[in-house]
Amino acid sequence: QVQLVESGGGLVQPGGSLRLSCAASRFTLDYYAIGWFRQAPGKEREGVSCISSSDGSTYYRDSVKGRFTISRDNAKNTVYLQMNSLKPEDTAVYYCAASPLLGLPPMIPAKFGSWGQGTQVTVSS
C-alpha cells in the first residue's frame, strides 16, 4: 500500500518560512505527480502546488506564486514545499498526495489516489 508522510509544519510568524517534506514508502515517487493541498477550518480542501512526474513541470495557485516553491529529490524519494513570506491566510493543514496521471493533473482531490496524514501550518504573531 502506498504511504505518504508529511513533516515540517509548525508555528511561524508572518513573513517567516517553513519547508514541508513529503516522503514515500513502498513506491517510487518518480512515477507520480505529487500535489500539495491545504484545508483550513470550515473551508474546502484546495490545491496549492503540484509537480509532474515526467518533465518537472510545476503548478502554483495564484495566492502562493512567488512565495512557494515545489521540488523533488528523487534520490531521497521526497518532495518538498518551500514556503516563504508566509501569511496568516496560509494557516491550514497541508497534505501531500500522489497521482498516476501524466503531466500536471487537475488540482482536484479525486485525481489523487494516495494521501498523507497532513501537517499543521500556523502563521500567527
N, C-alpha and C. Protein backbone atom coordinates (compact mmCIF):
# COMPACT_ATOMS: atom_id res chain seq x y z
N GLN A 1 0.83 -1.19 0.00
CA GLN A 1 0.00 0.00 0.00
C GLN A 1 0.88 1.25 0.00
N VAL A 2 0.48 2.20 -0.83
CA VAL A 2 1.23 3.44 -0.93
C VAL A 2 1.10 4.23 0.36
N GLN A 3 2.22 4.74 0.84
CA GLN A 3 2.20 5.57 2.04
C GLN A 3 2.97 6.85 1.80
N LEU A 4 2.36 7.94 2.21
CA LEU A 4 3.00 9.25 2.16
C LEU A 4 3.01 9.84 3.56
N VAL A 5 4.12 10.46 3.92
CA VAL A 5 4.23 11.05 5.24
C VAL A 5 4.73 12.48 5.10
N GLU A 6 3.93 13.43 5.61
CA GLU A 6 4.34 14.83 5.59
C GLU A 6 5.04 15.18 6.90
N SER A 7 5.92 16.16 6.82
CA SER A 7 6.57 16.69 8.00
C SER A 7 7.00 18.13 7.71
N GLY A 8 7.36 18.84 8.77
CA GLY A 8 7.89 20.19 8.60
C GLY A 8 6.94 21.31 8.97
N GLY A 9 5.72 20.97 9.35
CA GLY A 9 4.79 22.01 9.76
C GLY A 9 5.15 22.59 11.10
N GLY A 10 4.45 23.64 11.49
CA GLY A 10 4.69 24.26 12.78
C GLY A 10 4.09 25.64 12.87
N LEU A 11 4.48 26.34 13.91
CA LEU A 11 4.02 27.71 14.14
C LEU A 11 5.11 28.67 13.70
N VAL A 12 4.73 29.65 12.89
CA VAL A 12 5.70 30.61 12.39
C VAL A 12 5.04 31.99 12.35
N GLN A 13 5.84 33.02 12.53
CA GLN A 13 5.32 34.39 12.47
C GLN A 13 5.10 34.81 11.02
N PRO A 14 4.21 35.75 10.80
CA PRO A 14 4.03 36.27 9.43
C PRO A 14 5.36 36.74 8.86
N GLY A 15 5.57 36.40 7.60
CA GLY A 15 6.84 36.72 6.95
C GLY A 15 7.88 35.63 7.08
N GLY A 16 7.62 34.65 7.91
CA GLY A 16 8.56 33.57 8.12
C GLY A 16 8.50 32.50 7.05
N SER A 17 9.30 31.45 7.24
CA SER A 17 9.41 30.37 6.25
C SER A 17 9.30 29.00 6.92
N LEU A 18 8.81 28.07 6.15
CA LEU A 18 8.79 26.66 6.53
C LEU A 18 9.06 25.83 5.29
N ARG A 19 9.63 24.66 5.49
CA ARG A 19 9.78 23.72 4.39
C ARG A 19 9.07 22.42 4.76
N LEU A 20 8.06 22.08 3.99
CA LEU A 20 7.34 20.83 4.19
C LEU A 20 7.99 19.73 3.35
N SER A 21 7.99 18.54 3.91
CA SER A 21 8.52 17.37 3.20
C SER A 21 7.42 16.34 3.05
N CYS A 22 7.46 15.63 1.93
CA CYS A 22 6.54 14.54 1.66
C CYS A 22 7.38 13.34 1.27
N ALA A 23 7.47 12.38 2.17
CA ALA A 23 8.29 11.20 1.92
C ALA A 23 7.41 10.01 1.61
N ALA A 24 7.89 9.15 0.74
CA ALA A 24 7.11 7.99 0.32
C ALA A 24 7.79 6.70 0.75
N SER A 25 6.95 5.72 1.04
CA SER A 25 7.46 4.38 1.28
C SER A 25 6.68 3.41 0.41
N ARG A 26 7.30 2.35 0.02
CA ARG A 26 6.69 1.28 -0.75
C ARG A 26 6.38 1.64 -2.19
N PHE A 27 6.76 2.82 -2.63
CA PHE A 27 6.69 3.11 -4.05
C PHE A 27 7.64 4.26 -4.36
N THR A 28 7.97 4.38 -5.64
CA THR A 28 8.91 5.41 -6.06
C THR A 28 8.15 6.63 -6.53
N LEU A 29 8.46 7.76 -5.92
CA LEU A 29 7.74 8.99 -6.25
C LEU A 29 7.95 9.44 -7.68
N ASP A 30 9.06 9.00 -8.30
CA ASP A 30 9.40 9.44 -9.65
C ASP A 30 8.23 9.28 -10.62
N TYR A 31 7.44 8.25 -10.43
CA TYR A 31 6.41 7.90 -11.41
C TYR A 31 5.08 8.59 -11.15
N TYR A 32 5.05 9.48 -10.17
CA TYR A 32 3.79 10.10 -9.79
C TYR A 32 3.90 11.61 -9.80
N ALA A 33 2.83 12.26 -10.21
CA ALA A 33 2.72 13.69 -9.94
C ALA A 33 2.40 13.83 -8.45
N ILE A 34 3.04 14.78 -7.81
CA ILE A 34 2.82 15.00 -6.39
C ILE A 34 2.24 16.38 -6.18
N GLY A 35 1.13 16.40 -5.50
CA GLY A 35 0.46 17.67 -5.22
C GLY A 35 0.44 17.98 -3.74
N TRP A 36 0.41 19.27 -3.45
CA TRP A 36 0.20 19.74 -2.09
C TRP A 36 -1.17 20.42 -2.04
N PHE A 37 -1.95 20.03 -1.06
CA PHE A 37 -3.25 20.62 -0.81
C PHE A 37 -3.26 21.17 0.61
N ARG A 38 -4.22 22.02 0.89
CA ARG A 38 -4.37 22.51 2.25
C ARG A 38 -5.85 22.67 2.57
N GLN A 39 -6.15 22.57 3.85
CA GLN A 39 -7.52 22.73 4.30
C GLN A 39 -7.55 23.49 5.60
N ALA A 40 -8.19 24.64 5.57
CA ALA A 40 -8.37 25.46 6.76
C ALA A 40 -9.70 25.10 7.40
N PRO A 41 -9.86 25.35 8.70
CA PRO A 41 -11.12 25.03 9.38
C PRO A 41 -12.32 25.67 8.69
N GLY A 42 -13.32 24.86 8.42
CA GLY A 42 -14.54 25.37 7.81
C GLY A 42 -14.46 25.64 6.33
N LYS A 43 -13.33 25.27 5.72
CA LYS A 43 -13.15 25.52 4.28
C LYS A 43 -12.89 24.21 3.55
N GLU A 44 -13.10 24.23 2.25
CA GLU A 44 -12.83 23.06 1.44
C GLU A 44 -11.32 22.90 1.22
N ARG A 45 -10.93 21.68 0.96
CA ARG A 45 -9.53 21.41 0.63
C ARG A 45 -9.22 22.05 -0.72
N GLU A 46 -8.09 22.74 -0.80
CA GLU A 46 -7.72 23.41 -2.04
C GLU A 46 -6.32 23.02 -2.47
N GLY A 47 -6.13 22.99 -3.79
CA GLY A 47 -4.82 22.67 -4.33
C GLY A 47 -3.88 23.85 -4.22
N VAL A 48 -2.67 23.59 -3.77
CA VAL A 48 -1.67 24.64 -3.58
C VAL A 48 -0.60 24.60 -4.65
N SER A 49 -0.06 23.42 -4.89
CA SER A 49 1.05 23.29 -5.84
C SER A 49 1.15 21.84 -6.29
N CYS A 50 1.80 21.65 -7.42
CA CYS A 50 1.96 20.30 -7.95
C CYS A 50 3.21 20.24 -8.81
N ILE A 51 3.85 19.08 -8.82
CA ILE A 51 4.99 18.85 -9.69
C ILE A 51 4.75 17.57 -10.47
N SER A 52 5.00 17.62 -11.76
CA SER A 52 4.71 16.47 -12.61
C SER A 52 5.77 15.39 -12.44
N SER A 53 5.42 14.19 -12.91
CA SER A 53 6.35 13.06 -12.84
C SER A 53 7.32 13.07 -14.02
N SER A 54 6.88 13.63 -15.14
CA SER A 54 7.61 13.46 -16.38
C SER A 54 8.71 14.50 -16.59
N ASP A 55 8.31 15.76 -16.67
CA ASP A 55 9.28 16.80 -17.04
C ASP A 55 9.52 17.83 -15.95
N GLY A 56 8.98 17.58 -14.76
CA GLY A 56 9.21 18.52 -13.67
C GLY A 56 8.39 19.78 -13.75
N SER A 57 7.38 19.78 -14.62
CA SER A 57 6.50 20.96 -14.69
C SER A 57 5.85 21.20 -13.34
N THR A 58 5.59 22.47 -13.07
CA THR A 58 5.00 22.81 -11.78
C THR A 58 3.77 23.69 -11.94
N TYR A 59 2.95 23.64 -10.92
CA TYR A 59 1.75 24.47 -10.84
C TYR A 59 1.71 25.12 -9.45
N TYR A 60 1.25 26.37 -9.42
CA TYR A 60 1.02 27.06 -8.14
C TYR A 60 -0.31 27.80 -8.23
N ARG A 61 -1.04 27.76 -7.14
CA ARG A 61 -2.25 28.60 -7.12
C ARG A 61 -1.80 30.05 -7.04
N ASP A 62 -2.62 30.94 -7.53
CA ASP A 62 -2.22 32.34 -7.65
C ASP A 62 -1.77 32.94 -6.32
N SER A 63 -2.41 32.58 -5.23
CA SER A 63 -2.13 33.24 -3.95
C SER A 63 -0.75 32.85 -3.38
N VAL A 64 -0.11 31.84 -3.94
CA VAL A 64 1.21 31.43 -3.40
C VAL A 64 2.33 31.63 -4.41
N LYS A 65 1.99 32.05 -5.62
CA LYS A 65 3.02 32.27 -6.64
C LYS A 65 4.04 33.28 -6.15
N GLY A 66 5.32 32.96 -6.36
CA GLY A 66 6.38 33.84 -5.94
C GLY A 66 6.80 33.66 -4.49
N ARG A 67 6.01 32.88 -3.73
CA ARG A 67 6.33 32.66 -2.32
C ARG A 67 6.64 31.19 -2.03
N PHE A 68 5.97 30.29 -2.72
CA PHE A 68 6.15 28.85 -2.50
C PHE A 68 6.92 28.25 -3.67
N THR A 69 7.73 27.23 -3.37
CA THR A 69 8.46 26.51 -4.40
C THR A 69 8.37 25.02 -4.12
N ILE A 70 7.94 24.27 -5.13
CA ILE A 70 7.87 22.81 -5.02
C ILE A 70 9.06 22.20 -5.73
N SER A 71 9.60 21.14 -5.16
CA SER A 71 10.74 20.46 -5.77
C SER A 71 10.74 19.00 -5.36
N ARG A 72 11.51 18.19 -6.09
CA ARG A 72 11.61 16.79 -5.70
C ARG A 72 13.07 16.37 -5.67
N ASP A 73 13.36 15.49 -4.74
CA ASP A 73 14.68 14.88 -4.64
C ASP A 73 14.47 13.38 -4.82
N ASN A 74 14.69 12.91 -6.03
CA ASN A 74 14.39 11.51 -6.32
C ASN A 74 15.30 10.56 -5.54
N ALA A 75 16.51 10.99 -5.27
CA ALA A 75 17.43 10.13 -4.51
C ALA A 75 16.89 9.87 -3.10
N LYS A 76 16.18 10.86 -2.56
CA LYS A 76 15.61 10.73 -1.21
C LYS A 76 14.14 10.33 -1.26
N ASN A 77 13.62 10.19 -2.48
CA ASN A 77 12.21 9.82 -2.64
C ASN A 77 11.30 10.77 -1.87
N THR A 78 11.60 12.05 -2.01
CA THR A 78 10.91 13.07 -1.22
C THR A 78 10.57 14.27 -2.11
N VAL A 79 9.42 14.87 -1.85
CA VAL A 79 9.02 16.12 -2.49
C VAL A 79 8.93 17.18 -1.40
N TYR A 80 9.38 18.37 -1.73
CA TYR A 80 9.40 19.47 -0.76
C TYR A 80 8.49 20.61 -1.22
N LEU A 81 8.01 21.35 -0.23
CA LEU A 81 7.30 22.60 -0.49
C LEU A 81 7.94 23.66 0.38
N GLN A 82 8.75 24.51 -0.24
CA GLN A 82 9.38 25.61 0.47
C GLN A 82 8.40 26.77 0.49
N MET A 83 8.08 27.24 1.68
CA MET A 83 7.09 28.30 1.84
C MET A 83 7.75 29.50 2.48
N ASN A 84 7.83 30.58 1.75
CA ASN A 84 8.42 31.83 2.24
C ASN A 84 7.36 32.92 2.34
N SER A 85 7.71 33.97 3.05
CA SER A 85 6.80 35.12 3.21
C SER A 85 5.40 34.66 3.61
N LEU A 86 5.34 33.80 4.59
CA LEU A 86 4.06 33.23 4.99
C LEU A 86 3.13 34.28 5.56
N LYS A 87 1.84 34.07 5.30
CA LYS A 87 0.79 34.98 5.73
C LYS A 87 -0.20 34.23 6.62
N PRO A 88 -0.92 34.93 7.45
CA PRO A 88 -1.92 34.25 8.30
C PRO A 88 -2.90 33.42 7.49
N GLU A 89 -3.24 33.87 6.30
CA GLU A 89 -4.19 33.12 5.47
C GLU A 89 -3.61 31.82 4.91
N ASP A 90 -2.32 31.58 5.13
CA ASP A 90 -1.73 30.30 4.75
C ASP A 90 -1.95 29.23 5.82
N THR A 91 -2.50 29.62 6.94
CA THR A 91 -2.75 28.68 8.03
C THR A 91 -3.72 27.61 7.61
N ALA A 92 -3.31 26.36 7.75
CA ALA A 92 -4.14 25.22 7.33
C ALA A 92 -3.39 23.92 7.66
N VAL A 93 -4.10 22.81 7.50
CA VAL A 93 -3.43 21.51 7.47
C VAL A 93 -3.01 21.27 6.03
N TYR A 94 -1.76 20.95 5.83
CA TYR A 94 -1.22 20.71 4.50
C TYR A 94 -1.06 19.21 4.27
N TYR A 95 -1.51 18.77 3.11
CA TYR A 95 -1.45 17.37 2.73
C TYR A 95 -0.68 17.22 1.42
N CYS A 96 0.10 16.15 1.32
CA CYS A 96 0.63 15.81 0.01
C CYS A 96 -0.14 14.60 -0.51
N ALA A 97 -0.16 14.48 -1.82
CA ALA A 97 -0.93 13.42 -2.46
C ALA A 97 -0.28 13.04 -3.78
N ALA A 98 -0.48 11.80 -4.18
CA ALA A 98 0.15 11.28 -5.39
C ALA A 98 -0.91 10.96 -6.44
N SER A 99 -0.58 11.29 -7.69
CA SER A 99 -1.46 10.98 -8.81
C SER A 99 -0.66 10.27 -9.89
N PRO A 100 -1.24 9.19 -10.45
CA PRO A 100 -0.55 8.48 -11.53
C PRO A 100 -0.71 9.14 -12.89
N LEU A 101 -1.48 10.21 -12.97
CA LEU A 101 -1.72 10.88 -14.25
C LEU A 101 -0.45 11.53 -14.76
N LEU A 102 -0.26 11.48 -16.07
CA LEU A 102 0.90 12.12 -16.67
C LEU A 102 0.74 13.62 -16.69
N GLY A 103 1.87 14.31 -16.70
CA GLY A 103 1.83 15.76 -16.74
C GLY A 103 1.34 16.32 -15.42
N LEU A 104 0.66 17.46 -15.49
CA LEU A 104 0.11 18.09 -14.30
C LEU A 104 -1.38 17.78 -14.22
N PRO A 105 -1.79 16.97 -13.26
CA PRO A 105 -3.21 16.63 -13.17
C PRO A 105 -4.01 17.82 -12.66
N PRO A 106 -5.30 17.83 -12.94
CA PRO A 106 -6.15 18.87 -12.35
C PRO A 106 -6.04 18.81 -10.84
N MET A 107 -5.99 19.97 -10.20
CA MET A 107 -5.84 20.01 -8.75
C MET A 107 -7.19 19.76 -8.09
N ILE A 108 -7.68 18.57 -8.30
CA ILE A 108 -8.93 18.10 -7.72
C ILE A 108 -8.59 16.90 -6.87
N PRO A 109 -8.99 16.90 -5.60
CA PRO A 109 -8.62 15.78 -4.72
C PRO A 109 -8.93 14.41 -5.31
N ALA A 110 -9.98 14.29 -6.07
CA ALA A 110 -10.36 12.98 -6.62
C ALA A 110 -9.36 12.46 -7.64
N LYS A 111 -8.51 13.33 -8.16
CA LYS A 111 -7.50 12.90 -9.15
C LYS A 111 -6.24 12.37 -8.47
N PHE A 112 -6.20 12.43 -7.16
CA PHE A 112 -5.04 11.97 -6.39
C PHE A 112 -5.48 10.80 -5.52
N GLY A 113 -4.81 9.66 -5.70
CA GLY A 113 -5.30 8.45 -5.05
C GLY A 113 -4.69 8.13 -3.71
N SER A 114 -3.53 8.70 -3.42
CA SER A 114 -2.84 8.38 -2.16
C SER A 114 -2.54 9.67 -1.42
N TRP A 115 -2.82 9.67 -0.13
CA TRP A 115 -2.70 10.88 0.67
C TRP A 115 -1.90 10.63 1.94
N GLY A 116 -1.22 11.67 2.40
CA GLY A 116 -0.58 11.62 3.69
C GLY A 116 -1.57 12.01 4.78
N GLN A 117 -1.09 12.05 6.00
CA GLN A 117 -1.96 12.32 7.15
C GLN A 117 -2.10 13.81 7.43
N GLY A 118 -1.26 14.61 6.80
CA GLY A 118 -1.34 16.06 6.97
C GLY A 118 -0.39 16.59 8.04
N THR A 119 0.00 17.85 7.86
CA THR A 119 0.84 18.53 8.84
C THR A 119 0.31 19.95 9.02
N GLN A 120 0.21 20.38 10.27
CA GLN A 120 -0.39 21.68 10.58
C GLN A 120 0.61 22.80 10.36
N VAL A 121 0.17 23.83 9.65
CA VAL A 121 0.95 25.05 9.48
C VAL A 121 0.13 26.19 10.06
N THR A 122 0.70 26.88 11.03
CA THR A 122 0.01 28.01 11.67
C THR A 122 0.89 29.24 11.54
N VAL A 123 0.34 30.27 10.94
CA VAL A 123 1.06 31.54 10.76
C VAL A 123 0.38 32.57 11.63
N SER A 124 1.08 32.98 12.67
CA SER A 124 0.46 33.88 13.65
C SER A 124 1.55 34.60 14.43
N SER A 125 1.25 35.84 14.81
CA SER A 125 2.17 36.59 15.65
C SER A 125 1.82 36.41 17.11
